[in-house]
Amino acid sequence: MIKGQVKWFDATKGFGFVVCEDSDGDILLHANVLRNFGRSSVAEGSHIVIDVQVTDRGRQASMIHEIDAPLEANTGEADDASPSLPEVEADVPLQPARVKWFDKAKGFGFANIFGQPDDIFLHVEILRHYGLSELQPGEAITVKVIDGPRGKMAGEVQPWDHIIYKND
């Protein structure tokens, strides 16, 4: 197992790269390996623990064991350029939801809680804070829904399997 940091990942291209402290070069992270972990994207700077295989084309991640949000997202320190994150009460439950649509270029999208017709606003900064970079239509996620300035919004977004792994 190797610990590293996501250099970048592009869900449209289907790959990205991980850097680690050794001098053997970057490690390819393919979308299929990420999907096997239950994710469609990962934020730049996220810390990751992976198994690596060496191929003719270089090193490639073969399995993901753990992904943690970027350290700067966990510090609670916001720079002047990024919006402040909303306060989410500790007793707000994570609810199962499905992504309706998400546009990374626009920086937002919407999801629906299972069994409810109301749209839940998803902001890209909330995703980044929790280690995601984008979402795909139809993707299953969990969200903590709060009242935003224009209606319901996600105050926390986690991958679908977040609850399963946190309860093990």
N, C-alpha and C. Protein backbone atom coordinates (compact mmCIF):
# COMPACT_ATOMS: atom_id res chain seq x y z
N MET A 1 0.84 -1.18 0.00
CA MET A 1 0.00 0.00 0.00
C MET A 1 0.88 1.24 0.00
N ILE A 2 0.44 2.22 -0.75
CA ILE A 2 1.17 3.48 -0.86
C ILE A 2 0.24 4.61 -0.46
N LYS A 3 0.76 5.56 0.31
CA LYS A 3 0.02 6.76 0.66
C LYS A 3 0.46 7.87 -0.29
N GLY A 4 -0.51 8.60 -0.80
CA GLY A 4 -0.18 9.69 -1.72
C GLY A 4 -1.23 10.78 -1.66
N GLN A 5 -1.12 11.68 -2.62
CA GLN A 5 -2.04 12.80 -2.72
C GLN A 5 -2.47 12.93 -4.18
N VAL A 6 -3.77 13.19 -4.39
CA VAL A 6 -4.28 13.32 -5.74
C VAL A 6 -3.73 14.61 -6.34
N LYS A 7 -2.98 14.47 -7.43
CA LYS A 7 -2.42 15.62 -8.14
C LYS A 7 -3.54 16.30 -8.92
N TRP A 8 -4.28 15.50 -9.68
CA TRP A 8 -5.48 15.96 -10.38
C TRP A 8 -6.25 14.75 -10.86
N PHE A 9 -7.55 14.94 -11.08
CA PHE A 9 -8.39 13.89 -11.63
C PHE A 9 -9.46 14.55 -12.48
N ASP A 10 -9.64 14.06 -13.71
CA ASP A 10 -10.64 14.59 -14.64
C ASP A 10 -11.62 13.46 -14.97
N ALA A 11 -12.83 13.57 -14.45
CA ALA A 11 -13.84 12.53 -14.67
C ALA A 11 -14.22 12.41 -16.14
N THR A 12 -14.15 13.50 -16.89
CA THR A 12 -14.46 13.46 -18.32
C THR A 12 -13.42 12.64 -19.08
N LYS A 13 -12.16 12.83 -18.75
CA LYS A 13 -11.09 12.06 -19.39
C LYS A 13 -11.02 10.64 -18.85
N GLY A 14 -11.49 10.46 -17.61
CA GLY A 14 -11.50 9.13 -17.01
C GLY A 14 -10.22 8.74 -16.30
N PHE A 15 -9.38 9.71 -15.97
CA PHE A 15 -8.16 9.39 -15.24
C PHE A 15 -7.58 10.65 -14.59
N GLY A 16 -6.59 10.42 -13.77
CA GLY A 16 -5.83 11.47 -13.12
C GLY A 16 -4.55 10.88 -12.57
N PHE A 17 -3.87 11.62 -11.70
CA PHE A 17 -2.61 11.14 -11.18
C PHE A 17 -2.48 11.38 -9.68
N VAL A 18 -1.74 10.48 -9.06
CA VAL A 18 -1.43 10.53 -7.63
C VAL A 18 0.06 10.72 -7.51
N VAL A 19 0.48 11.58 -6.57
CA VAL A 19 1.91 11.74 -6.28
C VAL A 19 2.16 11.20 -4.88
N CYS A 20 3.35 10.67 -4.69
CA CYS A 20 3.75 10.20 -3.36
C CYS A 20 5.18 10.62 -3.11
N GLU A 21 5.69 10.31 -1.93
CA GLU A 21 7.00 10.81 -1.52
C GLU A 21 8.18 10.10 -2.16
N ASP A 22 7.95 8.94 -2.80
CA ASP A 22 9.09 8.25 -3.41
C ASP A 22 9.49 8.95 -4.72
N SER A 23 10.55 8.54 -5.31
CA SER A 23 11.06 9.18 -6.53
C SER A 23 10.74 8.37 -7.78
N ASP A 24 9.73 7.49 -7.71
CA ASP A 24 9.41 6.62 -8.83
C ASP A 24 8.40 7.23 -9.81
N GLY A 25 8.00 8.47 -9.61
CA GLY A 25 7.10 9.15 -10.53
C GLY A 25 5.64 9.05 -10.13
N ASP A 26 4.80 9.75 -10.90
CA ASP A 26 3.36 9.80 -10.64
C ASP A 26 2.72 8.44 -10.87
N ILE A 27 1.56 8.24 -10.25
CA ILE A 27 0.81 6.99 -10.35
C ILE A 27 -0.52 7.30 -11.04
N LEU A 28 -0.80 6.58 -12.12
CA LEU A 28 -2.04 6.76 -12.85
C LEU A 28 -3.21 6.27 -12.00
N LEU A 29 -4.26 7.08 -11.93
CA LEU A 29 -5.49 6.71 -11.24
C LEU A 29 -6.60 6.69 -12.29
N HIS A 30 -7.06 5.50 -12.65
CA HIS A 30 -8.08 5.34 -13.68
C HIS A 30 -9.47 5.40 -13.04
N ALA A 31 -10.43 5.89 -13.81
CA ALA A 31 -11.81 6.03 -13.32
C ALA A 31 -12.40 4.69 -12.86
N ASN A 32 -12.02 3.59 -13.51
CA ASN A 32 -12.55 2.29 -13.11
C ASN A 32 -12.13 1.91 -11.69
N VAL A 33 -10.90 2.24 -11.33
CA VAL A 33 -10.42 1.95 -9.97
C VAL A 33 -11.19 2.81 -8.98
N LEU A 34 -11.43 4.06 -9.35
CA LEU A 34 -12.21 4.95 -8.49
C LEU A 34 -13.65 4.45 -8.34
N ARG A 35 -14.25 4.00 -9.44
CA ARG A 35 -15.62 3.46 -9.40
C ARG A 35 -15.70 2.22 -8.52
N ASN A 36 -14.68 1.37 -8.56
CA ASN A 36 -14.65 0.19 -7.70
C ASN A 36 -14.65 0.57 -6.23
N PHE A 37 -14.19 1.76 -5.92
CA PHE A 37 -14.19 2.27 -4.56
C PHE A 37 -15.52 2.96 -4.23
N GLY A 38 -16.38 3.13 -5.25
CA GLY A 38 -17.68 3.74 -5.03
C GLY A 38 -17.73 5.23 -5.30
N ARG A 39 -16.76 5.74 -6.04
CA ARG A 39 -16.70 7.17 -6.35
C ARG A 39 -16.63 7.38 -7.85
N SER A 40 -17.12 8.55 -8.30
CA SER A 40 -16.96 8.91 -9.70
C SER A 40 -15.93 10.03 -9.86
N SER A 41 -15.54 10.65 -8.75
CA SER A 41 -14.55 11.71 -8.80
C SER A 41 -13.83 11.79 -7.47
N VAL A 42 -12.74 12.55 -7.47
CA VAL A 42 -11.98 12.79 -6.26
C VAL A 42 -11.35 14.17 -6.39
N ALA A 43 -11.37 14.95 -5.32
CA ALA A 43 -10.85 16.32 -5.35
C ALA A 43 -9.33 16.34 -5.37
N GLU A 44 -8.80 17.33 -6.08
CA GLU A 44 -7.37 17.57 -6.10
C GLU A 44 -6.89 17.81 -4.68
N GLY A 45 -5.78 17.20 -4.31
CA GLY A 45 -5.23 17.37 -2.97
C GLY A 45 -5.72 16.36 -1.95
N SER A 46 -6.70 15.53 -2.35
CA SER A 46 -7.19 14.50 -1.42
C SER A 46 -6.07 13.52 -1.11
N HIS A 47 -6.05 13.05 0.13
CA HIS A 47 -5.07 12.04 0.54
C HIS A 47 -5.68 10.68 0.23
N ILE A 48 -4.83 9.78 -0.27
CA ILE A 48 -5.32 8.51 -0.77
C ILE A 48 -4.35 7.39 -0.41
N VAL A 49 -4.91 6.23 -0.09
CA VAL A 49 -4.10 5.04 0.18
C VAL A 49 -4.49 4.02 -0.89
N ILE A 50 -3.49 3.56 -1.66
CA ILE A 50 -3.75 2.70 -2.81
C ILE A 50 -2.77 1.53 -2.89
N ASP A 51 -3.19 0.49 -3.61
CA ASP A 51 -2.28 -0.54 -4.07
C ASP A 51 -1.83 -0.12 -5.46
N VAL A 52 -0.58 -0.41 -5.79
CA VAL A 52 -0.01 0.01 -7.08
C VAL A 52 0.55 -1.19 -7.81
N GLN A 53 0.34 -1.21 -9.12
CA GLN A 53 0.97 -2.22 -9.96
C GLN A 53 1.87 -1.51 -10.97
N VAL A 54 2.97 -2.16 -11.32
CA VAL A 54 3.90 -1.61 -12.30
C VAL A 54 3.60 -2.25 -13.64
N THR A 55 3.39 -1.41 -14.66
CA THR A 55 3.10 -1.89 -16.02
C THR A 55 4.15 -1.34 -16.98
N ASP A 56 4.03 -1.75 -18.25
CA ASP A 56 4.94 -1.23 -19.28
C ASP A 56 4.84 0.28 -19.41
N ARG A 57 3.67 0.84 -19.06
CA ARG A 57 3.44 2.28 -19.20
C ARG A 57 3.69 3.05 -17.91
N GLY A 58 4.16 2.36 -16.87
CA GLY A 58 4.42 3.03 -15.60
C GLY A 58 3.55 2.48 -14.49
N ARG A 59 3.53 3.21 -13.38
CA ARG A 59 2.76 2.75 -12.22
C ARG A 59 1.30 3.15 -12.34
N GLN A 60 0.43 2.23 -11.89
CA GLN A 60 -1.00 2.47 -11.92
C GLN A 60 -1.62 2.02 -10.60
N ALA A 61 -2.59 2.79 -10.13
CA ALA A 61 -3.35 2.38 -8.95
C ALA A 61 -4.19 1.18 -9.34
N SER A 62 -4.18 0.13 -8.52
CA SER A 62 -4.99 -1.05 -8.82
C SER A 62 -6.14 -1.20 -7.84
N MET A 63 -6.02 -0.58 -6.67
CA MET A 63 -7.09 -0.65 -5.67
C MET A 63 -6.95 0.53 -4.71
N ILE A 64 -8.09 1.09 -4.32
CA ILE A 64 -8.11 2.19 -3.36
C ILE A 64 -8.58 1.64 -2.02
N HIS A 65 -7.86 2.00 -0.97
CA HIS A 65 -8.22 1.58 0.38
C HIS A 65 -8.89 2.72 1.17
N GLU A 66 -8.47 3.95 0.88
CA GLU A 66 -8.96 5.07 1.67
C GLU A 66 -8.78 6.37 0.89
N ILE A 67 -9.75 7.28 1.04
CA ILE A 67 -9.65 8.63 0.50
C ILE A 67 -10.08 9.59 1.59
N ASP A 68 -9.26 10.60 1.84
CA ASP A 68 -9.59 11.65 2.80
C ASP A 68 -9.57 12.99 2.09
N ALA A 69 -10.48 13.87 2.48
CA ALA A 69 -10.57 15.20 1.88
C ALA A 69 -9.24 15.94 2.01
N PRO A 70 -9.00 16.90 1.12
CA PRO A 70 -7.75 17.68 1.20
C PRO A 70 -7.60 18.33 2.56
N LEU A 71 -6.36 18.43 3.05
CA LEU A 71 -6.11 19.01 4.37
C LEU A 71 -6.65 20.42 4.49
N GLU A 72 -6.49 21.25 3.45
CA GLU A 72 -6.96 22.63 3.56
C GLU A 72 -8.47 22.69 3.73
N ALA A 73 -9.20 21.67 3.26
CA ALA A 73 -10.64 21.64 3.46
C ALA A 73 -10.97 21.28 4.91
N ASN A 74 -10.09 20.58 5.59
CA ASN A 74 -10.35 20.15 6.96
C ASN A 74 -9.92 21.17 8.01
N THR A 75 -9.18 22.19 7.63
CA THR A 75 -8.67 23.13 8.61
C THR A 75 -9.73 24.09 9.10
N GLY A 76 -10.78 24.30 8.31
CA GLY A 76 -11.81 25.25 8.68
C GLY A 76 -11.42 26.67 8.34
N GLU A 77 -10.22 26.87 7.80
CA GLU A 77 -9.78 28.20 7.42
C GLU A 77 -10.19 28.46 5.99
N ALA A 78 -10.96 29.51 5.78
CA ALA A 78 -11.40 29.85 4.43
C ALA A 78 -10.60 31.05 3.95
N ASP A 79 -10.13 30.99 2.71
CA ASP A 79 -9.46 32.17 2.19
C ASP A 79 -10.53 33.13 1.67
N ASP A 80 -10.14 34.36 1.39
CA ASP A 80 -11.09 35.39 1.00
C ASP A 80 -11.77 35.09 -0.33
N ALA A 81 -11.16 34.29 -1.19
CA ALA A 81 -11.71 34.02 -2.51
C ALA A 81 -12.81 32.96 -2.48
N SER A 82 -12.83 32.09 -1.50
CA SER A 82 -13.82 31.02 -1.48
C SER A 82 -14.95 31.35 -0.51
N PRO A 83 -16.17 30.92 -0.86
CA PRO A 83 -17.30 31.21 0.03
C PRO A 83 -17.18 30.42 1.32
N SER A 84 -17.78 30.96 2.39
CA SER A 84 -17.75 30.25 3.65
C SER A 84 -18.70 29.06 3.58
N LEU A 85 -18.35 28.01 4.27
CA LEU A 85 -19.18 26.81 4.28
C LEU A 85 -20.32 27.00 5.28
N PRO A 86 -21.50 26.49 4.96
CA PRO A 86 -22.63 26.65 5.86
C PRO A 86 -22.45 25.83 7.13
N GLU A 87 -23.07 26.29 8.19
CA GLU A 87 -23.07 25.55 9.45
C GLU A 87 -24.08 24.42 9.34
N VAL A 88 -23.67 23.22 9.72
CA VAL A 88 -24.56 22.07 9.71
C VAL A 88 -24.60 21.51 11.12
N GLU A 89 -25.79 21.48 11.70
CA GLU A 89 -25.95 20.97 13.06
C GLU A 89 -25.55 19.48 13.08
N ALA A 90 -24.99 19.04 14.18
CA ALA A 90 -24.52 17.66 14.31
C ALA A 90 -25.65 16.64 14.21
N ASP A 91 -26.86 17.03 14.58
CA ASP A 91 -27.97 16.08 14.56
C ASP A 91 -28.69 15.98 13.21
N VAL A 92 -28.22 16.71 12.20
CA VAL A 92 -28.82 16.60 10.87
C VAL A 92 -28.38 15.27 10.26
N PRO A 93 -29.33 14.41 9.88
CA PRO A 93 -28.95 13.08 9.37
C PRO A 93 -28.48 13.12 7.91
N LEU A 94 -27.59 12.20 7.58
CA LEU A 94 -27.25 11.96 6.17
C LEU A 94 -28.41 11.22 5.55
N GLN A 95 -28.88 11.71 4.39
CA GLN A 95 -30.01 11.09 3.72
C GLN A 95 -29.58 10.59 2.35
N PRO A 96 -30.15 9.47 1.90
CA PRO A 96 -29.81 8.95 0.57
C PRO A 96 -30.42 9.84 -0.51
N ALA A 97 -29.63 10.14 -1.53
CA ALA A 97 -30.08 11.01 -2.62
C ALA A 97 -29.50 10.53 -3.94
N ARG A 98 -30.08 11.04 -5.01
CA ARG A 98 -29.58 10.74 -6.36
C ARG A 98 -29.35 12.07 -7.07
N VAL A 99 -28.21 12.19 -7.76
CA VAL A 99 -27.85 13.41 -8.47
C VAL A 99 -28.78 13.55 -9.68
N LYS A 100 -29.42 14.70 -9.77
CA LYS A 100 -30.28 15.02 -10.91
C LYS A 100 -29.38 15.49 -12.06
N TRP A 101 -28.56 16.49 -11.78
CA TRP A 101 -27.52 16.94 -12.71
C TRP A 101 -26.50 17.76 -11.94
N PHE A 102 -25.29 17.82 -12.48
CA PHE A 102 -24.23 18.62 -11.88
C PHE A 102 -23.33 19.12 -12.98
N ASP A 103 -23.05 20.42 -13.00
CA ASP A 103 -22.19 21.04 -14.01
C ASP A 103 -20.98 21.63 -13.29
N LYS A 104 -19.84 20.97 -13.45
CA LYS A 104 -18.62 21.41 -12.78
C LYS A 104 -18.22 22.82 -13.21
N ALA A 105 -18.41 23.14 -14.50
CA ALA A 105 -18.04 24.47 -15.01
C ALA A 105 -18.89 25.57 -14.35
N LYS A 106 -20.16 25.30 -14.13
CA LYS A 106 -21.04 26.27 -13.47
C LYS A 106 -20.83 26.26 -11.95
N GLY A 107 -20.36 25.13 -11.44
CA GLY A 107 -20.08 25.03 -10.02
C GLY A 107 -21.26 24.61 -9.16
N PHE A 108 -22.30 24.06 -9.78
CA PHE A 108 -23.44 23.63 -8.98
C PHE A 108 -24.27 22.60 -9.73
N GLY A 109 -25.25 22.07 -9.03
CA GLY A 109 -26.19 21.12 -9.60
C GLY A 109 -27.29 20.84 -8.59
N PHE A 110 -28.06 19.77 -8.83
CA PHE A 110 -29.18 19.45 -7.96
C PHE A 110 -29.28 17.94 -7.77
N ALA A 111 -29.83 17.56 -6.63
CA ALA A 111 -30.09 16.16 -6.30
C ALA A 111 -31.49 16.08 -5.71
N ASN A 112 -32.00 14.87 -5.61
CA ASN A 112 -33.28 14.62 -4.96
C ASN A 112 -33.10 13.56 -3.89
N ILE A 113 -33.69 13.80 -2.73
CA ILE A 113 -33.72 12.80 -1.67
C ILE A 113 -34.65 11.70 -2.17
N PHE A 114 -34.29 10.43 -1.94
CA PHE A 114 -35.12 9.32 -2.39
C PHE A 114 -36.54 9.48 -1.86
N GLY A 115 -37.52 9.40 -2.76
CA GLY A 115 -38.92 9.47 -2.38
C GLY A 115 -39.46 10.88 -2.22
N GLN A 116 -38.64 11.90 -2.47
CA GLN A 116 -39.09 13.29 -2.32
C GLN A 116 -38.84 14.05 -3.62
N PRO A 117 -39.81 14.85 -4.07
CA PRO A 117 -39.67 15.56 -5.35
C PRO A 117 -38.82 16.83 -5.28
N ASP A 118 -38.58 17.37 -4.08
CA ASP A 118 -37.88 18.65 -3.94
C ASP A 118 -36.43 18.55 -4.40
N ASP A 119 -35.98 19.59 -5.11
CA ASP A 119 -34.58 19.67 -5.51
C ASP A 119 -33.73 20.16 -4.35
N ILE A 120 -32.54 19.56 -4.21
CA ILE A 120 -31.56 19.95 -3.21
C ILE A 120 -30.37 20.54 -3.97
N PHE A 121 -30.03 21.78 -3.68
CA PHE A 121 -28.94 22.48 -4.34
C PHE A 121 -27.60 21.90 -3.89
N LEU A 122 -26.71 21.65 -4.85
CA LEU A 122 -25.36 21.13 -4.59
C LEU A 122 -24.34 22.15 -5.08
N HIS A 123 -23.49 22.66 -4.20
CA HIS A 123 -22.47 23.62 -4.60
C HIS A 123 -21.11 22.91 -4.65
N VAL A 124 -20.31 23.25 -5.64
CA VAL A 124 -19.02 22.60 -5.85
C VAL A 124 -18.09 22.76 -4.64
N GLU A 125 -18.17 23.87 -3.92
CA GLU A 125 -17.30 24.05 -2.75
C GLU A 125 -17.64 23.07 -1.63
N ILE A 126 -18.92 22.72 -1.50
CA ILE A 126 -19.31 21.72 -0.51
C ILE A 126 -18.72 20.37 -0.92
N LEU A 127 -18.82 20.04 -2.23
CA LEU A 127 -18.24 18.78 -2.71
C LEU A 127 -16.75 18.73 -2.41
N ARG A 128 -16.02 19.78 -2.77
CA ARG A 128 -14.57 19.83 -2.55
C ARG A 128 -14.22 19.66 -1.08
N HIS A 129 -15.01 20.28 -0.23
CA HIS A 129 -14.75 20.20 1.21
C HIS A 129 -14.80 18.75 1.69
N TYR A 130 -15.63 17.94 1.06
CA TYR A 130 -15.77 16.54 1.46
C TYR A 130 -15.04 15.58 0.52
N GLY A 131 -14.09 16.11 -0.27
CA GLY A 131 -13.20 15.26 -1.06
C GLY A 131 -13.73 14.82 -2.40
N LEU A 132 -14.78 15.46 -2.92
CA LEU A 132 -15.33 15.14 -4.24
C LEU A 132 -15.04 16.31 -5.18
N SER A 133 -14.93 16.02 -6.48
CA SER A 133 -14.69 17.12 -7.41
C SER A 133 -15.88 17.35 -8.33
N GLU A 134 -16.65 16.33 -8.59
CA GLU A 134 -17.86 16.48 -9.40
C GLU A 134 -18.73 15.25 -9.22
N LEU A 135 -19.94 15.33 -9.74
CA LEU A 135 -20.90 14.23 -9.63
C LEU A 135 -21.50 13.96 -10.99
N GLN A 136 -21.94 12.73 -11.20
CA GLN A 136 -22.54 12.33 -12.47
C GLN A 136 -24.06 12.19 -12.30
N PRO A 137 -24.84 12.52 -13.32
CA PRO A 137 -26.29 12.33 -13.23
C PRO A 137 -26.62 10.88 -12.89
N GLY A 138 -27.53 10.70 -11.95
CA GLY A 138 -27.93 9.36 -11.52
C GLY A 138 -27.07 8.78 -10.42
N GLU A 139 -25.97 9.44 -10.07
CA GLU A 139 -25.07 8.92 -9.03
C GLU A 139 -25.76 8.96 -7.67
N ALA A 140 -25.61 7.89 -6.91
CA ALA A 140 -26.16 7.82 -5.56
C ALA A 140 -25.17 8.46 -4.59
N ILE A 141 -25.68 9.33 -3.72
CA ILE A 141 -24.87 10.02 -2.72
C ILE A 141 -25.66 10.08 -1.41
N THR A 142 -25.02 10.59 -0.37
CA THR A 142 -25.74 10.92 0.86
C THR A 142 -25.50 12.40 1.14
N VAL A 143 -26.53 13.07 1.63
CA VAL A 143 -26.44 14.51 1.89
C VAL A 143 -27.07 14.86 3.23
N LYS A 144 -26.56 15.93 3.82
CA LYS A 144 -27.20 16.56 4.97
C LYS A 144 -27.88 17.81 4.41
N VAL A 145 -29.20 17.84 4.47
CA VAL A 145 -29.98 18.93 3.88
C VAL A 145 -30.19 20.03 4.92
N ILE A 146 -29.89 21.27 4.50
CA ILE A 146 -30.09 22.44 5.35
C ILE A 146 -30.89 23.48 4.57
N ASP A 147 -31.39 24.49 5.27
CA ASP A 147 -32.07 25.60 4.61
C ASP A 147 -31.02 26.60 4.15
N GLY A 148 -30.98 26.84 2.82
CA GLY A 148 -30.07 27.81 2.25
C GLY A 148 -30.79 29.11 1.97
N PRO A 149 -30.09 30.09 1.40
CA PRO A 149 -30.71 31.39 1.13
C PRO A 149 -31.85 31.32 0.11
N ARG A 150 -31.83 30.29 -0.75
CA ARG A 150 -32.87 30.17 -1.79
C ARG A 150 -33.62 28.85 -1.71
N GLY A 151 -33.55 28.17 -0.61
CA GLY A 151 -34.25 26.90 -0.48
C GLY A 151 -33.35 25.82 0.10
N LYS A 152 -33.71 24.59 -0.11
CA LYS A 152 -32.96 23.45 0.43
C LYS A 152 -31.63 23.30 -0.29
N MET A 153 -30.59 23.04 0.49
CA MET A 153 -29.26 22.82 -0.09
C MET A 153 -28.52 21.78 0.73
N ALA A 154 -27.51 21.19 0.12
CA ALA A 154 -26.67 20.22 0.80
C ALA A 154 -25.61 20.96 1.61
N GLY A 155 -25.58 20.69 2.91
CA GLY A 155 -24.54 21.25 3.76
C GLY A 155 -23.36 20.29 3.90
N GLU A 156 -23.60 19.04 3.51
CA GLU A 156 -22.56 18.00 3.47
C GLU A 156 -22.93 17.03 2.38
N VAL A 157 -21.96 16.58 1.61
CA VAL A 157 -22.16 15.59 0.55
C VAL A 157 -21.11 14.50 0.74
N GLN A 158 -21.56 13.27 0.79
CA GLN A 158 -20.66 12.12 0.95
C GLN A 158 -20.99 11.09 -0.11
N PRO A 159 -20.03 10.23 -0.45
CA PRO A 159 -20.33 9.12 -1.36
C PRO A 159 -21.39 8.21 -0.74
N TRP A 160 -22.05 7.46 -1.58
CA TRP A 160 -23.12 6.57 -1.15
C TRP A 160 -22.68 5.61 -0.04
N ASP A 161 -21.49 5.06 -0.16
CA ASP A 161 -21.04 4.06 0.80
C ASP A 161 -20.42 4.65 2.06
N HIS A 162 -20.45 5.95 2.22
CA HIS A 162 -19.86 6.62 3.39
C HIS A 162 -20.42 6.07 4.70
N ILE A 163 -21.71 5.88 4.77
CA ILE A 163 -22.35 5.38 6.00
C ILE A 163 -21.90 3.95 6.29
N ILE A 164 -21.80 3.13 5.25
CA ILE A 164 -21.40 1.74 5.42
C ILE A 164 -20.00 1.66 6.03
N TYR A 165 -19.05 2.41 5.46
CA TYR A 165 -17.67 2.35 5.95
C TYR A 165 -17.51 2.99 7.32
N LYS A 166 -18.24 4.04 7.62
CA LYS A 166 -18.09 4.70 8.90
C LYS A 166 -18.69 3.86 10.04
N ASN A 167 -19.63 2.96 9.71
CA ASN A 167 -20.26 2.13 10.76
C ASN A 167 -19.56 0.81 10.96
N ASP A 168 -18.61 0.45 10.12
CA ASP A 168 -17.90 -0.82 10.27
C ASP A 168 -16.95 -0.80 11.43
